[in-house]
Amino acid sequence: MAKSDTDDQSVTFRIPRVLKNEINQRAEMKGVRLSEYLRDLLTSVVEDRVCQAERERIKELENQKFLRSKEFMQLVIWMYSKRVAQKYNKETDYLDDHIKTLKQVGDHVPMALSKEFDKVLKSLLSIDRDSIFSVSYDFIKGSGNKQKFDFEKLEKFLLSKPVKVPNFTPFPLKK
C-alpha cells in the first residue's frame, strides 16, 4: 500500500549537543516529548506565529509614540481650539502640517476613531485657502451631508487608559 502525501514524514538533521540539550530541557518543561515539541515549534515558524506577540508589541509602541508626538498633540489642540474660533487663519492654522498628521492617524487609532479623523481631513482638503470669503471648518459644526467630528469618541479613546510614564532615576544633586 502506497503512502499518501498526508502521511507523517520523517526529517533527520544534525544539531550541536548544546542546542539539543536546551531543546530537551524546554520540551521537558512543557511536559511533552522532544518530537512533539519540535513539531509544534516548526509548525509555528511555518505559520508565522513565532514573532506575532513581538510584532504586536512593536505596533503598540509605534502607536504610543505617534499618539504622544508633538504633531498629534498640536493637531488635537488645534481641533479643540477651532470649536471656539472656527474661522480659518492662514497665518496660524498650518493646514498642510495638520493634513500630513491626519493622513497618519488611521494607522494608530481604532477604525471608529479613524473615521472621525477622516471627517477632519476631508474638511481641510475642501478648504479654498485663497477664498476672499470667510472659511469655516465643516468638521466642527457639520454642514449639508458632512458630519461633525465626534469629540466624545476622541476623549474616550485618549482617556481610556492611563499613559505609562517611564521611571527615571533622578540626577544626583551637586553639592
Protein backbone atom coordinates (compact mmCIF):
# COMPACT_ATOMS: atom_id res chain seq x y z
CA MET A 1 0.00 0.00 0.00
CA ALA A 2 1.47 3.37 -1.03
CA LYS A 3 1.67 6.14 1.49
CA SER A 4 -0.22 9.30 0.57
CA ASP A 5 1.18 12.83 0.82
CA THR A 6 -0.80 13.38 4.03
CA ASP A 7 1.11 10.72 5.96
CA ASP A 8 3.58 11.94 8.55
CA GLN A 9 7.11 12.18 7.25
CA SER A 10 10.44 11.94 8.99
CA VAL A 11 13.22 14.54 8.83
CA THR A 12 16.76 13.88 10.00
CA PHE A 13 19.41 16.53 10.58
CA ARG A 14 22.32 17.25 12.91
CA ILE A 15 22.45 19.95 15.58
CA PRO A 16 25.07 20.86 18.20
CA ARG A 17 24.84 18.99 21.53
CA VAL A 18 24.29 22.23 23.47
CA LEU A 19 21.28 23.09 21.31
CA LYS A 20 19.83 19.60 21.67
CA ASN A 21 20.20 19.78 25.46
CA GLU A 22 18.43 23.14 25.50
CA ILE A 23 15.60 21.82 23.31
CA ASN A 24 15.27 18.73 25.52
CA GLN A 25 15.01 20.92 28.64
CA ARG A 26 12.30 23.07 27.06
CA ALA A 27 10.33 20.01 25.96
CA GLU A 28 10.56 18.59 29.50
CA MET A 29 9.41 21.91 30.99
CA LYS A 30 6.34 21.76 28.73
CA GLY A 31 5.79 18.12 29.61
CA VAL A 32 5.95 16.86 26.02
CA ARG A 33 8.21 14.57 24.06
CA LEU A 34 11.07 16.08 22.06
CA SER A 35 9.46 15.21 18.71
CA GLU A 36 6.16 16.85 19.72
CA TYR A 37 7.95 19.97 20.94
CA LEU A 38 9.93 20.28 17.70
CA ARG A 39 6.85 19.60 15.56
CA ASP A 40 4.91 22.39 17.35
CA LEU A 41 7.87 24.76 17.10
CA LEU A 42 8.36 24.13 13.37
CA THR A 43 4.63 24.49 12.73
CA SER A 44 4.57 27.87 14.50
CA VAL A 45 7.54 29.03 12.40
CA VAL A 46 5.94 27.93 9.14
CA GLU A 47 2.59 29.51 10.13
CA ASP A 48 4.45 32.72 11.09
CA ARG A 49 3.23 32.65 14.70
CA VAL A 50 6.64 32.74 16.37
CA CYS A 51 7.08 36.50 16.43
CA GLN A 52 3.41 37.51 16.48
CA ALA A 53 3.49 38.71 20.09
CA GLU A 54 6.65 40.71 19.41
CA ARG A 55 5.13 42.29 16.28
CA GLU A 56 2.04 43.26 18.28
CA ARG A 57 4.23 44.80 20.99
CA ILE A 58 6.20 46.80 18.42
CA LYS A 59 2.96 48.03 16.83
CA GLU A 60 1.67 49.15 20.24
CA LEU A 61 4.92 51.03 20.90
CA GLU A 62 4.66 52.73 17.49
CA ASN A 63 1.07 53.72 18.26
CA GLN A 64 2.07 55.16 21.63
CA LYS A 65 4.96 57.07 20.05
CA PHE A 66 2.66 58.62 17.43
CA LEU A 67 -0.10 59.46 19.91
CA ARG A 68 2.46 61.19 22.16
CA SER A 69 4.10 63.03 19.28
CA LYS A 70 4.18 66.79 19.15
CA GLU A 71 2.42 66.74 15.76
CA PHE A 72 -0.53 64.70 17.02
CA MET A 73 -0.86 66.84 20.16
CA GLN A 74 -0.76 70.01 18.05
CA LEU A 75 -3.49 68.61 15.81
CA VAL A 76 -5.77 67.71 18.72
CA ILE A 77 -5.24 71.05 20.47
CA TRP A 78 -5.85 72.91 17.20
CA MET A 79 -9.07 70.94 16.64
CA TYR A 80 -10.31 71.85 20.12
CA SER A 81 -9.37 75.50 19.59
CA LYS A 82 -11.47 75.54 16.41
CA ARG A 83 -14.54 74.70 18.47
CA VAL A 84 -14.24 78.21 19.90
CA ALA A 85 -12.83 80.20 16.95
CA GLN A 86 -13.90 78.43 13.77
CA LYS A 87 -12.57 80.88 11.23
CA TYR A 88 -9.63 79.97 9.04
CA ASN A 89 -6.45 81.89 9.74
CA LYS A 90 -3.87 81.45 7.01
CA GLU A 91 -1.04 82.57 9.30
CA THR A 92 -1.68 80.25 12.26
CA ASP A 93 -3.67 77.24 11.10
CA TYR A 94 -0.80 75.30 9.44
CA LEU A 95 -3.23 73.21 7.41
CA ASP A 96 -0.54 71.37 5.44
CA ASP A 97 1.06 70.13 8.67
CA HIS A 98 -2.29 69.01 10.05
CA ILE A 99 -3.17 67.24 6.81
CA LYS A 100 0.13 65.35 6.93
CA THR A 101 -0.57 64.26 10.51
CA LEU A 102 -4.18 63.34 9.72
CA LYS A 103 -3.01 61.02 6.95
CA GLN A 104 -1.08 59.01 9.56
CA VAL A 105 -3.77 58.83 12.25
CA GLY A 106 -5.63 55.84 10.79
CA ASP A 107 -2.64 53.56 11.39
CA HIS A 108 -2.62 54.32 15.12
CA VAL A 109 -6.22 54.51 16.31
CA PRO A 110 -9.26 52.19 16.18
CA MET A 111 -11.34 52.23 12.97
CA ALA A 112 -14.27 54.15 14.50
CA LEU A 113 -11.95 56.97 15.59
CA SER A 114 -10.08 56.87 12.28
CA LYS A 115 -13.39 57.60 10.53
CA GLU A 116 -13.84 60.63 12.78
CA PHE A 117 -10.42 61.96 11.82
CA ASP A 118 -11.30 61.36 8.16
CA LYS A 119 -14.04 63.97 8.62
CA VAL A 120 -11.41 66.49 9.68
CA LEU A 121 -9.13 65.54 6.79
CA LYS A 122 -11.95 65.91 4.24
CA SER A 123 -12.86 69.26 5.74
CA LEU A 124 -9.29 70.56 5.48
CA LEU A 125 -8.83 69.26 1.94
CA SER A 126 -12.01 71.01 0.81
CA ILE A 127 -10.97 74.46 2.04
CA ASP A 128 -10.23 77.05 -0.60
CA ARG A 129 -7.33 78.78 1.11
CA ASP A 130 -7.36 81.72 -1.27
CA SER A 131 -11.05 82.49 -0.81
CA ILE A 132 -11.91 86.08 -0.04
CA PHE A 133 -14.96 84.87 1.85
CA SER A 134 -14.85 83.66 5.40
CA VAL A 135 -13.89 80.00 5.59
CA SER A 136 -15.13 77.77 8.38
CA TYR A 137 -14.43 74.17 9.22
CA ASP A 138 -17.14 71.61 8.43
CA PHE A 139 -15.83 69.12 10.99
CA ILE A 140 -16.81 71.46 13.84
CA LYS A 141 -20.47 72.06 13.08
CA GLY A 142 -21.20 69.79 10.14
CA SER A 143 -22.99 71.11 7.09
CA GLY A 144 -25.06 69.55 4.35
CA ASN A 145 -24.02 65.90 4.06
CA LYS A 146 -20.86 66.48 6.10
CA GLN A 147 -20.98 65.24 9.67
CA LYS A 148 -19.21 66.90 12.53
CA PHE A 149 -16.31 65.35 14.42
CA ASP A 150 -17.34 63.36 17.50
CA PHE A 151 -15.03 64.80 20.16
CA GLU A 152 -16.52 62.42 22.72
CA LYS A 153 -15.04 59.42 20.87
CA LEU A 154 -11.62 61.07 20.90
CA GLU A 155 -11.90 61.83 24.62
CA LYS A 156 -12.95 58.26 25.45
CA PHE A 157 -10.02 56.90 23.47
CA LEU A 158 -7.43 59.26 24.95
CA LEU A 159 -8.71 58.85 28.50
CA SER A 160 -9.40 55.10 28.32
CA LYS A 161 -6.17 54.01 29.96
CA PRO A 162 -3.50 55.86 31.84
CA VAL A 163 -0.38 56.90 30.00
CA LYS A 164 2.61 54.88 31.08
CA VAL A 165 5.39 57.18 32.17
CA PRO A 166 8.80 55.55 32.35
CA ASN A 167 10.59 55.56 35.68
CA PHE A 168 13.65 57.77 35.58
CA THR A 169 16.31 57.79 38.20
CA PRO A 170 16.76 61.33 39.42
CA PHE A 171 20.00 63.10 38.66
CA PRO A 172 22.29 63.38 41.66
CA LEU A 173 22.30 66.87 43.09
CA LYS A 174 25.61 68.68 43.12
CA LYS A 175 26.76 69.86 46.49
